[in-house]
N, C-alpha and C. Protein backbone atom coordinates (compact mmCIF):
# COMPACT_ATOMS: atom_id res chain seq x y z
N MET A 1 -20.46 3.67 44.20
CA MET A 1 -20.20 3.88 45.78
C MET A 1 -20.08 5.35 45.35
N LEU A 2 -20.88 6.02 46.16
CA LEU A 2 -19.51 7.54 45.67
C LEU A 2 -18.46 7.65 47.54
N PHE A 3 -18.78 7.32 48.43
CA PHE A 3 -18.55 6.88 49.27
C PHE A 3 -18.21 5.92 49.93
N PRO A 4 -17.28 5.58 50.39
CA PRO A 4 -16.96 3.91 50.84
C PRO A 4 -17.25 4.18 52.30
N ILE A 5 -17.60 3.28 52.76
CA ILE A 5 -18.07 2.97 54.10
C ILE A 5 -17.20 3.03 55.40
N LEU A 6 -17.15 3.86 56.40
CA LEU A 6 -16.42 3.88 57.37
C LEU A 6 -16.86 2.80 58.66
N ALA A 7 -15.48 1.82 59.32
CA ALA A 7 -15.23 0.97 59.71
C ALA A 7 -15.82 1.74 60.99
N SER A 8 -16.65 1.38 61.77
CA SER A 8 -17.57 2.14 62.94
C SER A 8 -16.28 1.38 64.12
N ALA A 9 -15.90 3.03 65.01
CA ALA A 9 -15.06 3.30 65.84
C ALA A 9 -14.05 1.86 65.87
N SER A 10 -13.36 1.75 64.44
CA SER A 10 -12.22 0.60 64.68
C SER A 10 -11.09 1.20 64.35
N GLY A 11 -10.95 3.02 64.77
CA GLY A 11 -9.91 3.46 64.03
C GLY A 11 -9.39 3.44 63.28
N SER A 12 -10.05 2.96 61.91
CA SER A 12 -9.75 2.91 60.98
C SER A 12 -10.37 4.01 59.80
N SER A 13 -9.33 4.44 59.01
CA SER A 13 -10.16 5.56 58.02
C SER A 13 -10.91 5.58 56.66
N LEU A 14 -11.14 5.71 56.26
CA LEU A 14 -11.42 6.52 54.63
C LEU A 14 -10.70 6.16 53.76
N PRO A 15 -10.06 4.90 52.96
CA PRO A 15 -8.74 4.82 51.79
C PRO A 15 -9.17 5.92 51.15
N LYS A 16 -7.59 5.93 50.91
CA LYS A 16 -7.09 7.37 49.72
C LYS A 16 -8.15 7.03 48.27
N ASN A 17 -9.17 8.23 46.97
CA ASN A 17 -8.68 8.26 46.16
C ASN A 17 -7.69 7.81 45.18
N THR A 18 -7.89 6.70 44.42
CA THR A 18 -6.19 6.37 43.04
C THR A 18 -7.92 6.49 41.88
N THR A 19 -8.46 6.78 41.98
CA THR A 19 -9.10 6.50 40.59
C THR A 19 -9.04 7.94 39.96
N GLY A 20 -8.88 9.26 40.71
CA GLY A 20 -9.49 10.41 40.39
C GLY A 20 -10.29 10.88 41.13
N ASN A 21 -11.67 10.70 40.33
CA ASN A 21 -13.31 11.48 40.48
C ASN A 21 -14.08 9.86 40.29
N SER A 22 -14.74 9.98 41.59
CA SER A 22 -15.09 8.68 41.89
C SER A 22 -17.04 9.12 41.89
N PHE A 23 -17.21 10.41 41.26
CA PHE A 23 -18.90 10.53 41.48
C PHE A 23 -19.24 10.16 40.17
N ASP A 24 -20.95 9.82 40.09
CA ASP A 24 -21.64 8.79 39.56
C ASP A 24 -22.55 10.20 38.80
N HIS A 25 -22.02 10.02 37.63
CA HIS A 25 -22.31 10.85 36.51
C HIS A 25 -23.90 11.00 36.05
N SER A 26 -24.58 9.41 36.36
CA SER A 26 -26.37 9.57 35.89
C SER A 26 -27.35 9.99 37.10
N SER A 27 -27.12 10.32 37.79
CA SER A 27 -27.48 11.24 38.41
C SER A 27 -28.17 11.95 38.07
N SER A 28 -29.32 12.39 38.38
CA SER A 28 -30.42 13.73 37.65
C SER A 28 -30.16 14.79 38.44
N TYR A 29 -28.52 15.57 38.09
CA TYR A 29 -28.55 17.20 38.97
C TYR A 29 -28.92 17.83 37.72
N SER A 30 -29.31 18.68 37.79
CA SER A 30 -29.76 19.51 35.99
C SER A 30 -28.65 20.50 35.67
N SER A 31 -28.35 20.47 34.43
CA SER A 31 -27.32 20.89 33.93
C SER A 31 -27.62 22.72 34.59
N ALA A 32 -27.54 22.94 35.30
CA ALA A 32 -27.62 24.47 35.70
C ALA A 32 -26.48 24.28 36.89
N THR A 33 -26.66 23.13 37.26
CA THR A 33 -25.84 22.69 38.52
C THR A 33 -24.87 22.70 38.69
N SER A 34 -25.11 21.59 37.92
CA SER A 34 -23.57 20.25 37.45
C SER A 34 -22.61 21.18 37.21
N ASN A 35 -22.28 22.06 36.55
CA ASN A 35 -20.55 22.57 36.20
C ASN A 35 -21.11 23.90 36.67
N ASP A 36 -21.43 24.51 38.10
CA ASP A 36 -21.71 25.58 38.30
C ASP A 36 -20.40 25.26 39.45
N GLY A 37 -19.68 25.66 39.94
CA GLY A 37 -18.85 25.90 40.79
C GLY A 37 -18.85 25.92 42.23
N ARG A 38 -20.49 26.97 42.15
CA ARG A 38 -21.10 27.12 43.85
C ARG A 38 -21.54 26.25 44.59
N TYR A 39 -21.63 25.09 43.90
CA TYR A 39 -22.39 24.20 43.65
C TYR A 39 -22.47 22.78 44.69
N ILE A 40 -22.04 22.05 45.85
CA ILE A 40 -22.17 20.77 45.63
C ILE A 40 -23.10 19.87 45.85
N LEU A 41 -22.36 19.23 45.00
CA LEU A 41 -22.96 17.46 44.45
C LEU A 41 -22.73 16.28 45.08
N LEU A 42 -23.60 15.63 46.38
CA LEU A 42 -23.65 14.81 46.42
C LEU A 42 -24.82 13.93 46.41
N LYS A 43 -24.70 12.86 46.64
CA LYS A 43 -26.07 12.28 45.73
C LYS A 43 -27.19 12.49 47.07
N ALA A 44 -26.98 12.58 48.67
CA ALA A 44 -28.21 12.85 49.34
C ALA A 44 -28.61 14.40 49.35
N ALA A 45 -26.90 15.27 48.96
CA ALA A 45 -27.47 16.68 49.41
C ALA A 45 -27.06 17.57 47.98
N GLN A 46 -27.62 18.45 48.02
CA GLN A 46 -27.48 19.25 46.90
C GLN A 46 -27.20 21.03 47.97
N PHE A 47 -26.35 21.47 47.39
CA PHE A 47 -26.22 23.32 47.61
C PHE A 47 -24.99 23.97 47.43
N ASN A 48 -25.90 24.83 47.19
CA ASN A 48 -24.86 26.83 46.70
C ASN A 48 -23.59 27.01 47.87
N THR A 49 -23.15 26.81 48.05
CA THR A 49 -21.93 27.19 49.09
C THR A 49 -21.61 28.97 49.09
N GLU A 50 -22.50 29.96 48.21
CA GLU A 50 -22.30 30.73 48.38
C GLU A 50 -23.58 31.45 49.81
N GLU A 51 -25.18 30.10 49.49
CA GLU A 51 -26.10 30.50 50.07
C GLU A 51 -26.48 29.63 52.01
N ASP A 52 -26.80 29.63 52.44
CA ASP A 52 -27.25 29.57 53.00
C ASP A 52 -27.06 27.37 52.90
N VAL A 53 -26.91 26.43 53.89
CA VAL A 53 -25.98 25.31 53.31
C VAL A 53 -27.00 24.81 54.12
N PHE A 54 -27.85 24.45 52.53
CA PHE A 54 -28.69 22.21 53.37
C PHE A 54 -27.96 21.60 53.74
N VAL A 55 -29.04 21.18 54.89
CA VAL A 55 -28.43 20.56 55.70
C VAL A 55 -29.19 19.17 55.84
N SER A 56 -28.98 18.23 55.68
CA SER A 56 -30.02 16.68 54.97
C SER A 56 -30.73 16.84 56.22
N SER A 57 -32.20 16.25 56.45
CA SER A 57 -33.12 15.93 57.48
C SER A 57 -32.48 15.21 58.59
N LEU A 58 -32.13 14.68 58.24
CA LEU A 58 -31.14 12.70 58.46
C LEU A 58 -29.77 12.98 59.26
N THR A 59 -29.49 14.65 59.11
CA THR A 59 -27.80 14.76 59.62
C THR A 59 -27.59 15.49 61.23
N SER A 60 -27.48 14.62 61.23
CA SER A 60 -26.85 14.41 62.94
C SER A 60 -25.93 16.45 62.86
N THR A 61 -25.59 16.93 64.33
CA THR A 61 -24.96 18.08 64.01
C THR A 61 -23.22 17.72 64.34
N GLU A 62 -22.81 16.86 64.84
CA GLU A 62 -21.90 16.37 64.00
C GLU A 62 -21.68 15.00 63.20
N SER A 63 -20.48 16.03 62.85
CA SER A 63 -19.37 15.44 61.76
C SER A 63 -19.04 14.36 61.99
N ILE A 64 -19.24 13.45 60.87
CA ILE A 64 -17.61 11.86 60.46
C ILE A 64 -16.51 12.52 61.50
N SER A 65 -15.86 12.03 62.25
CA SER A 65 -14.86 11.64 63.10
C SER A 65 -14.38 10.53 63.76
N LEU A 66 -12.89 10.31 63.59
CA LEU A 66 -12.07 9.11 64.43
C LEU A 66 -11.36 9.48 64.84
N SER A 67 -11.22 8.22 66.26
CA SER A 67 -10.47 8.85 67.23
C SER A 67 -9.46 9.73 66.70
N GLY A 68 -8.76 10.77 66.61
CA GLY A 68 -7.12 11.06 66.84
C GLY A 68 -6.76 11.76 65.15
N SER A 69 -8.19 11.27 64.67
CA SER A 69 -7.96 11.95 62.94
C SER A 69 -8.53 12.98 62.25
N GLY A 70 -8.94 13.92 63.84
CA GLY A 70 -9.98 14.69 63.13
C GLY A 70 -10.98 14.18 62.77
N GLU A 71 -11.82 15.85 62.25
CA GLU A 71 -13.01 15.92 61.14
C GLU A 71 -13.24 15.97 60.10
N TYR A 72 -14.00 15.00 59.63
CA TYR A 72 -14.36 15.07 58.10
C TYR A 72 -14.70 16.51 57.44
N TYR A 73 -14.08 16.90 56.67
CA TYR A 73 -15.42 18.47 56.06
C TYR A 73 -15.60 18.23 54.35
N ILE A 74 -16.19 19.12 54.31
CA ILE A 74 -16.22 19.67 52.28
C ILE A 74 -15.16 20.42 52.19
N VAL A 75 -14.13 20.75 51.42
CA VAL A 75 -13.54 21.67 50.88
C VAL A 75 -13.68 21.57 49.61
N GLN A 76 -14.09 22.94 49.23
CA GLN A 76 -13.95 23.90 47.52
C GLN A 76 -13.41 24.24 46.91
N PHE A 77 -12.50 23.85 46.12
CA PHE A 77 -11.79 24.87 45.94
C PHE A 77 -12.25 26.16 44.65
N SER A 78 -11.83 27.44 44.73
CA SER A 78 -12.34 28.82 43.80
C SER A 78 -12.30 28.55 42.06
N GLY A 79 -11.95 27.48 41.56
CA GLY A 79 -12.19 26.67 40.80
C GLY A 79 -11.55 25.05 39.87
N SER A 80 -11.94 25.73 39.26
CA SER A 80 -10.80 24.23 38.12
C SER A 80 -9.51 23.92 39.54
N ILE A 81 -9.61 22.21 39.71
CA ILE A 81 -8.51 22.04 40.33
C ILE A 81 -7.09 21.90 39.93
N LEU A 82 -6.00 22.39 41.21
CA LEU A 82 -4.56 22.15 40.04
C LEU A 82 -4.16 21.67 41.11
N GLU A 83 -3.13 20.76 40.51
CA GLU A 83 -2.17 20.21 41.06
C GLU A 83 -1.34 20.89 42.32
N GLU A 84 -1.19 21.89 42.23
CA GLU A 84 -0.42 22.80 42.66
C GLU A 84 -1.61 22.92 44.59
N TRP A 85 -2.96 23.38 43.77
CA TRP A 85 -3.18 23.90 44.59
C TRP A 85 -4.02 22.07 46.47
N LYS A 86 -4.06 20.65 45.22
CA LYS A 86 -4.19 19.94 46.03
C LYS A 86 -2.76 19.20 47.07
N GLN A 87 -1.81 19.52 46.39
CA GLN A 87 -0.19 19.61 47.30
C GLN A 87 0.06 20.87 48.58
N ASP A 88 -0.76 22.35 48.30
CA ASP A 88 -0.83 23.09 49.59
C ASP A 88 -1.61 22.29 49.94
N LEU A 89 -2.68 21.89 50.05
CA LEU A 89 -3.36 21.27 51.14
C LEU A 89 -3.33 19.95 51.59
N ARG A 90 -2.12 19.31 51.00
CA ARG A 90 -1.60 18.35 51.94
C ARG A 90 -0.59 18.59 53.00
N ASP A 91 0.25 20.06 52.21
CA ASP A 91 1.29 20.41 52.99
C ASP A 91 1.35 20.89 54.42
N THR A 92 -0.53 21.62 54.73
CA THR A 92 -1.30 21.55 55.39
C THR A 92 -1.12 20.70 56.60
N GLY A 93 -0.92 19.61 56.34
CA GLY A 93 -1.15 18.22 57.01
C GLY A 93 -2.75 17.25 56.76
N ALA A 94 -3.62 18.62 55.77
CA ALA A 94 -5.16 17.40 55.93
C ALA A 94 -4.44 16.40 55.13
N THR A 95 -5.70 15.23 54.65
CA THR A 95 -5.92 14.30 54.51
C THR A 95 -6.97 14.26 53.69
N ILE A 96 -6.56 14.44 52.42
CA ILE A 96 -7.18 14.30 50.92
C ILE A 96 -7.96 13.15 50.21
N PHE A 97 -8.97 12.73 50.58
CA PHE A 97 -9.95 11.52 49.98
C PHE A 97 -10.68 11.61 49.12
N ASP A 98 -11.63 11.70 48.76
CA ASP A 98 -12.57 11.62 47.70
C ASP A 98 -13.59 12.90 46.80
N TYR A 99 -12.81 12.44 45.71
CA TYR A 99 -14.05 14.47 45.46
C TYR A 99 -14.68 14.43 45.09
N VAL A 100 -15.89 15.57 45.19
CA VAL A 100 -16.36 15.93 45.72
C VAL A 100 -17.62 16.35 44.36
N PRO A 101 -18.27 17.07 43.37
CA PRO A 101 -18.45 17.45 42.19
C PRO A 101 -19.06 19.02 43.13
N ASN A 102 -18.83 20.33 42.96
CA ASN A 102 -18.02 20.43 42.26
C ASN A 102 -16.88 21.02 42.99
N ASN A 103 -15.41 20.96 41.74
CA ASN A 103 -14.30 21.35 41.92
C ASN A 103 -14.12 21.35 44.67
N ALA A 104 -14.53 19.80 44.44
CA ALA A 104 -13.82 19.59 46.11
C ALA A 104 -13.46 18.20 46.61
N PHE A 105 -13.65 18.03 47.70
CA PHE A 105 -12.78 17.38 47.96
C PHE A 105 -13.68 16.33 49.60
N ILE A 106 -13.19 15.95 49.94
CA ILE A 106 -13.83 15.26 50.92
C ILE A 106 -12.01 15.42 52.39
N VAL A 107 -12.15 15.38 53.12
CA VAL A 107 -10.77 16.25 53.13
C VAL A 107 -10.82 16.42 55.48
N SER A 108 -10.41 15.15 55.29
CA SER A 108 -9.62 15.27 57.04
C SER A 108 -8.41 16.36 58.15
N MET A 109 -9.12 16.79 58.96
CA MET A 109 -8.11 17.88 59.16
C MET A 109 -8.75 18.51 61.04
N ASN A 110 -7.64 18.07 61.70
CA ASN A 110 -8.02 18.94 62.67
C ASN A 110 -8.55 20.71 62.40
N SER A 111 -8.70 20.93 64.09
CA SER A 111 -8.50 22.27 64.07
C SER A 111 -7.68 23.32 63.63
N SER A 112 -6.44 22.83 64.07
CA SER A 112 -5.69 23.53 63.52
C SER A 112 -5.09 23.80 62.18
N VAL A 113 -5.49 22.53 61.90
CA VAL A 113 -4.86 22.22 60.69
C VAL A 113 -6.04 23.63 59.66
N LYS A 114 -7.63 23.23 59.63
CA LYS A 114 -8.24 23.77 59.35
C LYS A 114 -7.93 25.41 59.46
N ALA A 115 -7.54 25.65 61.17
CA ALA A 115 -6.73 27.55 60.19
C ALA A 115 -6.35 27.79 59.34
N GLU A 116 -5.22 27.09 58.95
CA GLU A 116 -4.39 26.58 57.78
C GLU A 116 -5.04 27.01 56.17
N VAL A 117 -5.99 25.87 56.20
CA VAL A 117 -6.86 25.36 54.93
C VAL A 117 -7.01 26.63 54.55
N GLU A 118 -7.94 27.43 55.87
CA GLU A 118 -9.33 28.82 56.14
C GLU A 118 -8.40 30.09 54.93
N SER A 119 -6.75 30.02 55.45
CA SER A 119 -6.56 30.76 54.95
C SER A 119 -6.00 30.48 53.14
N LEU A 120 -5.88 29.51 53.06
CA LEU A 120 -5.36 29.17 51.47
C LEU A 120 -6.15 29.62 49.97
N ASP A 121 -5.49 31.20 49.80
CA ASP A 121 -5.86 31.98 48.00
C ASP A 121 -7.04 30.92 47.39
N SER A 122 -6.84 29.52 47.76
CA SER A 122 -7.76 28.54 46.39
C SER A 122 -8.43 28.43 46.84
N VAL A 123 -9.07 28.22 48.12
CA VAL A 123 -10.33 27.52 48.94
C VAL A 123 -11.42 28.44 49.30
N GLN A 124 -12.37 28.02 48.33
CA GLN A 124 -13.27 29.41 47.97
C GLN A 124 -14.03 28.73 49.42
N TRP A 125 -14.50 27.19 50.18
CA TRP A 125 -15.38 27.44 50.81
C TRP A 125 -15.35 25.51 51.88
N ILE A 126 -14.83 26.19 52.88
CA ILE A 126 -15.37 24.34 53.97
C ILE A 126 -16.57 24.16 54.91
N GLY A 127 -17.11 22.70 54.13
CA GLY A 127 -17.97 23.05 55.80
C GLY A 127 -17.31 21.00 56.14
N LEU A 128 -18.23 21.47 57.62
CA LEU A 128 -18.48 19.96 57.60
C LEU A 128 -19.00 19.01 57.01
N TYR A 129 -18.40 17.35 57.05
CA TYR A 129 -19.51 16.39 56.39
C TYR A 129 -19.62 15.64 57.27
N TYR A 130 -20.90 15.95 57.20
CA TYR A 130 -21.92 15.20 58.37
C TYR A 130 -22.56 13.45 57.45
N PRO A 131 -22.39 13.11 58.61
CA PRO A 131 -23.15 10.96 58.10
C PRO A 131 -23.73 11.44 57.40
N SER A 132 -25.02 12.09 57.28
CA SER A 132 -26.08 11.43 56.94
C SER A 132 -25.70 12.42 54.96
N TYR A 133 -24.71 12.82 54.63
CA TYR A 133 -24.42 12.64 53.52
C TYR A 133 -23.59 12.15 52.18
N ARG A 134 -23.47 10.49 53.25
CA ARG A 134 -23.70 8.92 52.74
C ARG A 134 -24.49 8.38 52.28
N ILE A 135 -25.44 8.99 53.44
CA ILE A 135 -26.73 7.43 53.46
C ILE A 135 -27.23 8.31 51.66
N SER A 136 -27.69 6.92 51.22
CA SER A 136 -27.90 6.78 49.42
C SER A 136 -29.42 7.16 49.55
N PRO A 137 -30.31 8.21 49.13
CA PRO A 137 -31.80 8.87 49.09
C PRO A 137 -32.53 7.37 48.59
N SER A 138 -31.63 6.47 48.04
CA SER A 138 -33.37 5.33 47.62
C SER A 138 -32.85 4.80 48.78
N LEU A 139 -31.87 4.19 49.68
CA LEU A 139 -31.81 3.78 51.08
C LEU A 139 -33.38 4.11 51.46
N SER A 140 -33.50 5.70 52.17
CA SER A 140 -33.95 6.60 52.84
C SER A 140 -35.43 5.97 52.32
N SER A 141 -35.99 6.14 51.20
CA SER A 141 -36.93 5.05 50.79
C SER A 141 -37.35 4.12 51.00
N ILE A 142 -36.39 3.11 50.74
CA ILE A 142 -36.34 1.70 51.65
C ILE A 142 -36.99 1.86 52.69
N SER A 143 -35.75 1.86 53.58
CA SER A 143 -36.68 2.45 54.86
C SER A 143 -38.16 2.42 56.10
N SER A 144 -38.28 3.77 54.73
CA SER A 144 -39.78 4.20 55.02
C SER A 144 -40.91 2.72 54.41
N GLU A 145 -40.65 2.44 53.76
CA GLU A 145 -41.61 1.46 53.23
C GLU A 145 -41.58 -0.22 54.78
N PHE A 146 -39.97 -0.39 55.56
CA PHE A 146 -41.27 -0.80 56.78
C PHE A 146 -41.09 -0.85 57.77
N ASP A 147 -41.53 1.09 57.66
CA ASP A 147 -41.87 1.15 58.77
C ASP A 147 -44.03 1.86 59.83
C-alpha cells in the first residue's frame, strides 16, 4: 500500500517512512511520465505540476488535517532528491512522510512553515494532499458494483 491509513479523529499521525521508497512500480504509468520530474504519480491521480493540477472527482475541497498538526501537502523537489534538501525541509519544521514519484514527499506543515518551504531553492512545487489521493482506483470500481 502506498500510504498508511490515517486514524480518524484520534490525533495520531502518519508513521515516518523508514523504507525510503514505498512506491509500487508495477503500476501502469507510461514511460513518458514515469521519469519526468514534472509529474506527480499517485495510484489515484497523476498530474503535471507545471500545468493545471488534476484533482480526483472524489476530492473534497480540504486536505487531510489532524488537530494541531497542520495540513498535509505534496512537496516536489526540482530534481533527484538530495539528503541536504530533505534536511533543509526538516529544518523549517515540516515533517516528511512517504516518497511520491517523481521527486516528492508527503509533508505535514502549518501555514507559517509552508511559507518557509516555498522559499527553499530546491522546492519546485507544493500542493495540497487531498484525501481522495489515498483511495485506490480499484476500490472505486468495487464500490460502483454495489450501487
